[in-house]
Amino acid sequence: MKIKPLKDRVVVKFASEELEKTPGGIYVPDVAKEKPQKGTVLEVGSEVKEVKVGDTVLFDKYAGTKIKIDDVEYLIIKEEEILGIVEK
């Protein structure tokens, strides 16, 4: 299934969770941390200007709308909610 976002919306696939180990040996998943989330842009709407398909972007934990298709979680987010683009 393919999702085509409208206007200034972007479809993002979440990056895989990176586990961090505390000094006590407990693993803390990325979603439990209070920091921006990361994902890859899969589709962009017709009015999106700053990001393009394939960009890795940062966004707030509670930004956009989460959807699940075929057991894969995606996020539909407004371009203005994207905090930045990760450059490689």
PDB file of N, CA and C in Angstrom:
ATOM      1  N   MET A   1       0.846  -1.183   0.000  1.00  0.00           N
ATOM      2  CA  MET A   1       0.000   0.000   0.000  1.00  0.00           C
ATOM      3  C   MET A   1       0.888   1.243   0.000  1.00  0.00           C
ATOM      4  N   LYS A   2       0.495   2.230  -0.760  1.00  0.00           N
ATOM      5  CA  LYS A   2       1.249   3.472  -0.853  1.00  0.00           C
ATOM      6  C   LYS A   2       0.391   4.608  -0.318  1.00  0.00           C
ATOM      7  N   ILE A   3       1.016   5.519   0.428  1.00  0.00           N
ATOM      8  CA  ILE A   3       0.322   6.665   0.997  1.00  0.00           C
ATOM      9  C   ILE A   3       0.841   7.919   0.313  1.00  0.00           C
ATOM     10  N   LYS A   4      -0.039   8.718  -0.224  1.00  0.00           N
ATOM     11  CA  LYS A   4       0.336   9.990  -0.835  1.00  0.00           C
ATOM     12  C   LYS A   4      -0.206  11.103   0.052  1.00  0.00           C
ATOM     13  N   PRO A   5       0.680  11.817   0.771  1.00  0.00           N
ATOM     14  CA  PRO A   5       0.208  12.889   1.652  1.00  0.00           C
ATOM     15  C   PRO A   5      -0.264  14.104   0.861  1.00  0.00           C
ATOM     16  N   LEU A   6      -1.156  14.868   1.451  1.00  0.00           N
ATOM     17  CA  LEU A   6      -1.697  16.062   0.808  1.00  0.00           C
ATOM     18  C   LEU A   6      -0.996  17.316   1.304  1.00  0.00           C
ATOM     19  N   LYS A   7      -0.976  18.334   0.480  1.00  0.00           N
ATOM     20  CA  LYS A   7      -0.468  19.672   0.778  1.00  0.00           C
ATOM     21  C   LYS A   7       0.892  19.661   1.466  1.00  0.00           C
ATOM     22  N   ASP A   8       0.958  20.124   2.738  1.00  0.00           N
ATOM     23  CA  ASP A   8       2.244  20.276   3.425  1.00  0.00           C
ATOM     24  C   ASP A   8       2.562  19.102   4.352  1.00  0.00           C
ATOM     25  N   ARG A   9       1.994  17.937   4.081  1.00  0.00           N
ATOM     26  CA  ARG A   9       2.214  16.763   4.926  1.00  0.00           C
ATOM     27  C   ARG A   9       3.349  15.895   4.381  1.00  0.00           C
ATOM     28  N   VAL A  10       3.956  15.141   5.300  1.00  0.00           N
ATOM     29  CA  VAL A  10       5.080  14.266   4.982  1.00  0.00           C
ATOM     30  C   VAL A  10       4.828  12.912   5.636  1.00  0.00           C
ATOM     31  N   VAL A  11       5.111  11.821   4.929  1.00  0.00           N
ATOM     32  CA  VAL A  11       5.022  10.483   5.509  1.00  0.00           C
ATOM     33  C   VAL A  11       6.426  10.059   5.914  1.00  0.00           C
ATOM     34  N   VAL A  12       6.566   9.688   7.197  1.00  0.00           N
ATOM     35  CA  VAL A  12       7.866   9.328   7.758  1.00  0.00           C
ATOM     36  C   VAL A  12       7.791   7.916   8.314  1.00  0.00           C
ATOM     37  N   LYS A  13       8.828   7.126   8.058  1.00  0.00           N
ATOM     38  CA  LYS A  13       8.951   5.797   8.671  1.00  0.00           C
ATOM     39  C   LYS A  13       9.937   5.945   9.821  1.00  0.00           C
ATOM     40  N   PHE A  14       9.522   5.486  10.993  1.00  0.00           N
ATOM     41  CA  PHE A  14      10.366   5.597  12.172  1.00  0.00           C
ATOM     42  C   PHE A  14      11.678   4.858  11.974  1.00  0.00           C
ATOM     43  N   ALA A  15      12.757   5.459  12.485  1.00  0.00           N
ATOM     44  CA  ALA A  15      14.055   4.779  12.488  1.00  0.00           C
ATOM     45  C   ALA A  15      13.995   3.678  13.538  1.00  0.00           C
ATOM     46  N   SER A  16      14.811   2.663  13.378  1.00  0.00           N
ATOM     47  CA  SER A  16      14.812   1.576  14.352  1.00  0.00           C
ATOM     48  C   SER A  16      15.248   2.104  15.715  1.00  0.00           C
ATOM     49  N   GLU A  17      14.673   1.523  16.751  1.00  0.00           N
ATOM     50  CA  GLU A  17      14.995   1.956  18.106  1.00  0.00           C
ATOM     51  C   GLU A  17      16.424   1.584  18.456  1.00  0.00           C
ATOM     52  N   GLU A  18      17.118   2.547  19.033  1.00  0.00           N
ATOM     53  CA  GLU A  18      18.463   2.295  19.512  1.00  0.00           C
ATOM     54  C   GLU A  18      18.371   2.137  21.024  1.00  0.00           C
ATOM     55  N   LEU A  19      18.906   1.047  21.528  1.00  0.00           N
ATOM     56  CA  LEU A  19      18.855   0.809  22.958  1.00  0.00           C
ATOM     57  C   LEU A  19      20.106   1.372  23.619  1.00  0.00           C
ATOM     58  N   GLU A  20      19.899   2.058  24.736  1.00  0.00           N
ATOM     59  CA  GLU A  20      21.005   2.612  25.501  1.00  0.00           C
ATOM     60  C   GLU A  20      21.069   1.858  26.811  1.00  0.00           C
ATOM     61  N   LYS A  21      22.266   1.493  27.229  1.00  0.00           N
ATOM     62  CA  LYS A  21      22.435   0.742  28.459  1.00  0.00           C
ATOM     63  C   LYS A  21      22.848   1.699  29.572  1.00  0.00           C
ATOM     64  N   THR A  22      22.122   1.653  30.689  1.00  0.00           N
ATOM     65  CA  THR A  22      22.453   2.491  31.843  1.00  0.00           C
ATOM     66  C   THR A  22      23.609   1.854  32.608  1.00  0.00           C
ATOM     67  N   PRO A  23      24.250   2.615  33.497  1.00  0.00           N
ATOM     68  CA  PRO A  23      25.341   2.034  34.295  1.00  0.00           C
ATOM     69  C   PRO A  23      24.902   0.815  35.118  1.00  0.00           C
ATOM     70  N   GLY A  24      23.616   0.735  35.461  1.00  0.00           N
ATOM     71  CA  GLY A  24      23.091  -0.403  36.218  1.00  0.00           C
ATOM     72  C   GLY A  24      22.780  -1.615  35.356  1.00  0.00           C
ATOM     73  N   GLY A  25      22.954  -1.509  34.035  1.00  0.00           N
ATOM     74  CA  GLY A  25      22.726  -2.626  33.133  1.00  0.00           C
ATOM     75  C   GLY A  25      21.328  -2.690  32.548  1.00  0.00           C
ATOM     76  N   ILE A  26      20.520  -1.630  32.743  1.00  0.00           N
ATOM     77  CA  ILE A  26      19.157  -1.610  32.205  1.00  0.00           C
ATOM     78  C   ILE A  26      19.180  -0.971  30.822  1.00  0.00           C
ATOM     79  N   TYR A  27      18.482  -1.595  29.873  1.00  0.00           N
ATOM     80  CA  TYR A  27      18.385  -1.039  28.530  1.00  0.00           C
ATOM     81  C   TYR A  27      17.185  -0.099  28.450  1.00  0.00           C
ATOM     82  N   VAL A  28      17.419   1.103  27.932  1.00  0.00           N
ATOM     83  CA  VAL A  28      16.370   2.107  27.815  1.00  0.00           C
ATOM     84  C   VAL A  28      16.076   2.311  26.331  1.00  0.00           C
ATOM     85  N   PRO A  29      14.856   1.992  25.864  1.00  0.00           N
ATOM     86  CA  PRO A  29      14.547   2.196  24.446  1.00  0.00           C
ATOM     87  C   PRO A  29      14.467   3.676  24.104  1.00  0.00           C
ATOM     88  N   ASP A  30      14.684   3.988  22.860  1.00  0.00           N
ATOM     89  CA  ASP A  30      14.692   5.366  22.369  1.00  0.00           C
ATOM     90  C   ASP A  30      13.384   6.087  22.679  1.00  0.00           C
ATOM     91  N   VAL A  31      12.270   5.387  22.627  1.00  0.00           N
ATOM     92  CA  VAL A  31      10.975   6.035  22.842  1.00  0.00           C
ATOM     93  C   VAL A  31      10.770   6.489  24.274  1.00  0.00           C
ATOM     94  N   ALA A  32      11.533   5.973  25.218  1.00  0.00           N
ATOM     95  CA  ALA A  32      11.395   6.365  26.618  1.00  0.00           C
ATOM     96  C   ALA A  32      12.207   7.606  26.950  1.00  0.00           C
ATOM     97  N   LYS A  33      13.050   8.030  26.051  1.00  0.00           N
ATOM     98  CA  LYS A  33      13.900   9.190  26.288  1.00  0.00           C
ATOM     99  C   LYS A  33      13.176  10.457  25.868  1.00  0.00           C
ATOM    100  N   GLU A  34      13.481  11.541  26.544  1.00  0.00           N
ATOM    101  CA  GLU A  34      12.891  12.838  26.191  1.00  0.00           C
ATOM    102  C   GLU A  34      13.809  13.551  25.207  1.00  0.00           C
ATOM    103  N   LYS A  35      13.809  13.098  24.001  1.00  0.00           N
ATOM    104  CA  LYS A  35      14.590  13.742  22.943  1.00  0.00           C
ATOM    105  C   LYS A  35      13.832  13.578  21.639  1.00  0.00           C
ATOM    106  N   PRO A  36      14.215  14.344  20.624  1.00  0.00           N
ATOM    107  CA  PRO A  36      13.505  14.232  19.347  1.00  0.00           C
ATOM    108  C   PRO A  36      13.592  12.823  18.760  1.00  0.00           C
ATOM    109  N   GLN A  37      12.562  12.444  18.038  1.00  0.00           N
ATOM    110  CA  GLN A  37      12.509  11.165  17.340  1.00  0.00           C
ATOM    111  C   GLN A  37      13.132  11.330  15.957  1.00  0.00           C
ATOM    112  N   LYS A  38      13.500  10.207  15.355  1.00  0.00           N
ATOM    113  CA  LYS A  38      14.146  10.244  14.048  1.00  0.00           C
ATOM    114  C   LYS A  38      13.419   9.309  13.099  1.00  0.00           C
ATOM    115  N   GLY A  39      13.363   9.688  11.813  1.00  0.00           N
ATOM    116  CA  GLY A  39      12.740   8.836  10.815  1.00  0.00           C
ATOM    117  C   GLY A  39      13.176   9.221   9.414  1.00  0.00           C
ATOM    118  N   THR A  40      12.766   8.409   8.455  1.00  0.00           N
ATOM    119  CA  THR A  40      13.104   8.629   7.056  1.00  0.00           C
ATOM    120  C   THR A  40      11.858   9.047   6.293  1.00  0.00           C
ATOM    121  N   VAL A  41      11.993  10.081   5.480  1.00  0.00           N
ATOM    122  CA  VAL A  41      10.876  10.589   4.677  1.00  0.00           C
ATOM    123  C   VAL A  41      10.623   9.624   3.519  1.00  0.00           C
ATOM    124  N   LEU A  42       9.366   9.145   3.417  1.00  0.00           N
ATOM    125  CA  LEU A  42       8.995   8.221   2.345  1.00  0.00           C
ATOM    126  C   LEU A  42       8.230   8.915   1.231  1.00  0.00           C
ATOM    127  N   GLU A  43       7.371   9.861   1.581  1.00  0.00           N
ATOM    128  CA  GLU A  43       6.555  10.593   0.604  1.00  0.00           C
ATOM    129  C   GLU A  43       6.365  12.019   1.091  1.00  0.00           C
ATOM    130  N   VAL A  44       6.216  12.948   0.162  1.00  0.00           N
ATOM    131  CA  VAL A  44       5.960  14.342   0.508  1.00  0.00           C
ATOM    132  C   VAL A  44       4.767  14.867  -0.272  1.00  0.00           C
ATOM    133  N   GLY A  45       4.043  15.805   0.335  1.00  0.00           N
ATOM    134  CA  GLY A  45       2.906  16.433  -0.328  1.00  0.00           C
ATOM    135  C   GLY A  45       3.364  17.475  -1.331  1.00  0.00           C
ATOM    136  N   SER A  46       2.437  17.998  -2.110  1.00  0.00           N
ATOM    137  CA  SER A  46       2.758  18.923  -3.195  1.00  0.00           C
ATOM    138  C   SER A  46       3.269  20.283  -2.731  1.00  0.00           C
ATOM    139  N   GLU A  47       2.968  20.681  -1.491  1.00  0.00           N
ATOM    140  CA  GLU A  47       3.390  21.985  -0.996  1.00  0.00           C
ATOM    141  C   GLU A  47       4.627  21.935  -0.098  1.00  0.00           C
ATOM    142  N   VAL A  48       5.257  20.777   0.027  1.00  0.00           N
ATOM    143  CA  VAL A  48       6.454  20.641   0.874  1.00  0.00           C
ATOM    144  C   VAL A  48       7.650  21.234   0.132  1.00  0.00           C
ATOM    145  N   LYS A  49       8.411  22.085   0.842  1.00  0.00           N
ATOM    146  CA  LYS A  49       9.515  22.797   0.197  1.00  0.00           C
ATOM    147  C   LYS A  49      10.889  22.417   0.731  1.00  0.00           C
ATOM    148  N   GLU A  50      11.005  22.103   2.015  1.00  0.00           N
ATOM    149  CA  GLU A  50      12.310  21.943   2.644  1.00  0.00           C
ATOM    150  C   GLU A  50      12.856  20.517   2.658  1.00  0.00           C
ATOM    151  N   VAL A  51      11.996  19.523   2.721  1.00  0.00           N
ATOM    152  CA  VAL A  51      12.466  18.141   2.804  1.00  0.00           C
ATOM    153  C   VAL A  51      12.112  17.378   1.538  1.00  0.00           C
ATOM    154  N   LYS A  52      12.864  16.291   1.312  1.00  0.00           N
ATOM    155  CA  LYS A  52      12.599  15.467   0.137  1.00  0.00           C
ATOM    156  C   LYS A  52      12.624  13.998   0.536  1.00  0.00           C
ATOM    157  N   VAL A  53      12.130  13.161  -0.334  1.00  0.00           N
ATOM    158  CA  VAL A  53      12.097  11.723  -0.090  1.00  0.00           C
ATOM    159  C   VAL A  53      13.527  11.235   0.143  1.00  0.00           C
ATOM    160  N   GLY A  54      13.694  10.437   1.189  1.00  0.00           N
ATOM    161  CA  GLY A  54      15.004   9.889   1.518  1.00  0.00           C
ATOM    162  C   GLY A  54      15.722  10.634   2.640  1.00  0.00           C
ATOM    163  N   ASP A  55      15.282  11.850   2.967  1.00  0.00           N
ATOM    164  CA  ASP A  55      15.903  12.612   4.054  1.00  0.00           C
ATOM    165  C   ASP A  55      15.618  11.932   5.395  1.00  0.00           C
ATOM    166  N   THR A  56      16.592  12.000   6.299  1.00  0.00           N
ATOM    167  CA  THR A  56      16.386  11.587   7.683  1.00  0.00           C
ATOM    168  C   THR A  56      16.066  12.850   8.463  1.00  0.00           C
ATOM    169  N   VAL A  57      14.930  12.839   9.163  1.00  0.00           N
ATOM    170  CA  VAL A  57      14.462  14.044   9.843  1.00  0.00           C
ATOM    171  C   VAL A  57      14.257  13.790  11.337  1.00  0.00           C
ATOM    172  N   LEU A  58      14.286  14.892  12.093  1.00  0.00           N
ATOM    173  CA  LEU A  58      14.007  14.870  13.524  1.00  0.00           C
ATOM    174  C   LEU A  58      12.671  15.545  13.770  1.00  0.00           C
ATOM    175  N   PHE A  59      11.890  15.002  14.714  1.00  0.00           N
ATOM    176  CA  PHE A  59      10.588  15.575  15.034  1.00  0.00           C
ATOM    177  C   PHE A  59      10.284  15.277  16.495  1.00  0.00           C
ATOM    178  N   ASP A  60       9.374  16.043  17.087  1.00  0.00           N
ATOM    179  CA  ASP A  60       8.981  15.839  18.476  1.00  0.00           C
ATOM    180  C   ASP A  60       8.300  14.497  18.666  1.00  0.00           C
ATOM    181  N   LYS A  61       8.389  13.996  19.877  1.00  0.00           N
ATOM    182  CA  LYS A  61       7.816  12.696  20.218  1.00  0.00           C
ATOM    183  C   LYS A  61       6.323  12.620  19.946  1.00  0.00           C
ATOM    184  N   TYR A  62       5.596  13.720  20.167  1.00  0.00           N
ATOM    185  CA  TYR A  62       4.142  13.711  20.022  1.00  0.00           C
ATOM    186  C   TYR A  62       3.657  14.414  18.758  1.00  0.00           C
ATOM    187  N   ALA A  63       4.521  14.635  17.801  1.00  0.00           N
ATOM    188  CA  ALA A  63       4.146  15.319  16.562  1.00  0.00           C
ATOM    189  C   ALA A  63       3.403  14.374  15.622  1.00  0.00           C
ATOM    190  N   GLY A  64       2.535  14.933  14.801  1.00  0.00           N
ATOM    191  CA  GLY A  64       1.878  14.187  13.740  1.00  0.00           C
ATOM    192  C   GLY A  64       0.882  13.140  14.201  1.00  0.00           C
ATOM    193  N   THR A  65       0.493  12.294  13.244  1.00  0.00           N
ATOM    194  CA  THR A  65      -0.474  11.221  13.476  1.00  0.00           C
ATOM    195  C   THR A  65       0.166   9.897  13.100  1.00  0.00           C
ATOM    196  N   LYS A  66       0.168   8.956  14.035  1.00  0.00           N
ATOM    197  CA  LYS A  66       0.742   7.640  13.774  1.00  0.00           C
ATOM    198  C   LYS A  66      -0.293   6.755  13.101  1.00  0.00           C
ATOM    199  N   ILE A  67       0.161   5.994  12.111  1.00  0.00           N
ATOM    200  CA  ILE A  67      -0.686   5.002  11.453  1.00  0.00           C
ATOM    201  C   ILE A  67       0.108   3.708  11.330  1.00  0.00           C
ATOM    202  N   LYS A  68      -0.594   2.599  11.252  1.00  0.00           N
ATOM    203  CA  LYS A  68       0.067   1.304  11.129  1.00  0.00           C
ATOM    204  C   LYS A  68      -0.498   0.588   9.919  1.00  0.00           C
ATOM    205  N   ILE A  69       0.393   0.204   9.003  1.00  0.00           N
ATOM    206  CA  ILE A  69      -0.004  -0.513   7.798  1.00  0.00           C
ATOM    207  C   ILE A  69       0.906  -1.734   7.666  1.00  0.00           C
ATOM    208  N   ASP A  70       0.308  -2.901   7.562  1.00  0.00           N
ATOM    209  CA  ASP A  70       1.064  -4.154   7.443  1.00  0.00           C
ATOM    210  C   ASP A  70       2.107  -4.293   8.551  1.00  0.00           C
ATOM    211  N   ASP A  71       1.728  -3.981   9.780  1.00  0.00           N
ATOM    212  CA  ASP A  71       2.595  -4.081  10.960  1.00  0.00           C
ATOM    213  C   ASP A  71       3.808  -3.158  10.929  1.00  0.00           C
ATOM    214  N   VAL A  72       3.777  -2.137  10.091  1.00  0.00           N
ATOM    215  CA  VAL A  72       4.839  -1.120  10.061  1.00  0.00           C
ATOM    216  C   VAL A  72       4.211   0.201  10.478  1.00  0.00           C
ATOM    217  N   GLU A  73       4.869   0.889  11.421  1.00  0.00           N
ATOM    218  CA  GLU A  73       4.330   2.145  11.928  1.00  0.00           C
ATOM    219  C   GLU A  73       4.906   3.329  11.152  1.00  0.00           C
ATOM    220  N   TYR A  74       4.018   4.196  10.699  1.00  0.00           N
ATOM    221  CA  TYR A  74       4.393   5.398   9.967  1.00  0.00           C
ATOM    222  C   TYR A  74       3.847   6.616  10.700  1.00  0.00           C
ATOM    223  N   LEU A  75       4.342   7.768  10.314  1.00  0.00           N
ATOM    224  CA  LEU A  75       3.881   9.018  10.889  1.00  0.00           C
ATOM    225  C   LEU A  75       3.549   9.971   9.749  1.00  0.00           C
ATOM    226  N   ILE A  76       2.365  10.583   9.807  1.00  0.00           N
ATOM    227  CA  ILE A  76       2.017  11.639   8.865  1.00  0.00           C
ATOM    228  C   ILE A  76       2.141  12.940   9.650  1.00  0.00           C
ATOM    229  N   ILE A  77       3.017  13.802   9.181  1.00  0.00           N
ATOM    230  CA  ILE A  77       3.393  14.992   9.932  1.00  0.00           C
ATOM    231  C   ILE A  77       3.399  16.215   9.028  1.00  0.00           C
ATOM    232  N   LYS A  78       3.062  17.377   9.585  1.00  0.00           N
ATOM    233  CA  LYS A  78       3.163  18.615   8.820  1.00  0.00           C
ATOM    234  C   LYS A  78       4.637  18.993   8.693  1.00  0.00           C
ATOM    235  N   GLU A  79       4.990  19.595   7.582  1.00  0.00           N
ATOM    236  CA  GLU A  79       6.379  19.992   7.370  1.00  0.00           C
ATOM    237  C   GLU A  79       6.863  20.928   8.479  1.00  0.00           C
ATOM    238  N   GLU A  80       5.999  21.802   8.969  1.00  0.00           N
ATOM    239  CA  GLU A  80       6.398  22.754  10.005  1.00  0.00           C
ATOM    240  C   GLU A  80       6.708  22.085  11.343  1.00  0.00           C
ATOM    241  N   GLU A  81       6.274  20.837  11.545  1.00  0.00           N
ATOM    242  CA  GLU A  81       6.566  20.114  12.781  1.00  0.00           C
ATOM    243  C   GLU A  81       7.918  19.406  12.750  1.00  0.00           C
ATOM    244  N   ILE A  82       8.571  19.385  11.599  1.00  0.00           N
ATOM    245  CA  ILE A  82       9.889  18.774  11.477  1.00  0.00           C
ATOM    246  C   ILE A  82      10.918  19.736  12.064  1.00  0.00           C
ATOM    247  N   LEU A  83      11.738  19.241  12.986  1.00  0.00           N
ATOM    248  CA  LEU A  83      12.709  20.079  13.666  1.00  0.00           C
ATOM    249  C   LEU A  83      13.974  20.298  12.847  1.00  0.00           C
ATOM    250  N   GLY A  84      14.363  19.305  12.073  1.00  0.00           N
ATOM    251  CA  GLY A  84      15.586  19.442  11.282  1.00  0.00           C
ATOM    252  C   GLY A  84      15.838  18.223  10.433  1.00  0.00           C
ATOM    253  N   ILE A  85      16.807  18.361   9.540  1.00  0.00           N
ATOM    254  CA  ILE A  85      17.233  17.283   8.650  1.00  0.00           C
ATOM    255  C   ILE A  85      18.617  16.829   9.088  1.00  0.00           C
ATOM    256  N   VAL A  86      18.797  15.530   9.252  1.00  0.00           N
ATOM    257  CA  VAL A  86      20.093  14.980   9.640  1.00  0.00           C
ATOM    258  C   VAL A  86      20.935  14.847   8.380  1.00  0.00           C
ATOM    259  N   GLU A  87      22.063  15.547   8.364  1.00  0.00           N
ATOM    260  CA  GLU A  87      22.964  15.459   7.202  1.00  0.00           C
ATOM    261  C   GLU A  87      24.033  14.430   7.477  1.00  0.00           C
ATOM    262  N   LYS A  88      24.354  13.660   6.451  1.00  0.00           N
ATOM    263  CA  LYS A  88      25.333  12.583   6.604  1.00  0.00           C
ATOM    264  C   LYS A  88      26.707  13.006   6.174  1.00  0.00           C
TER     265      LYS A  88
END
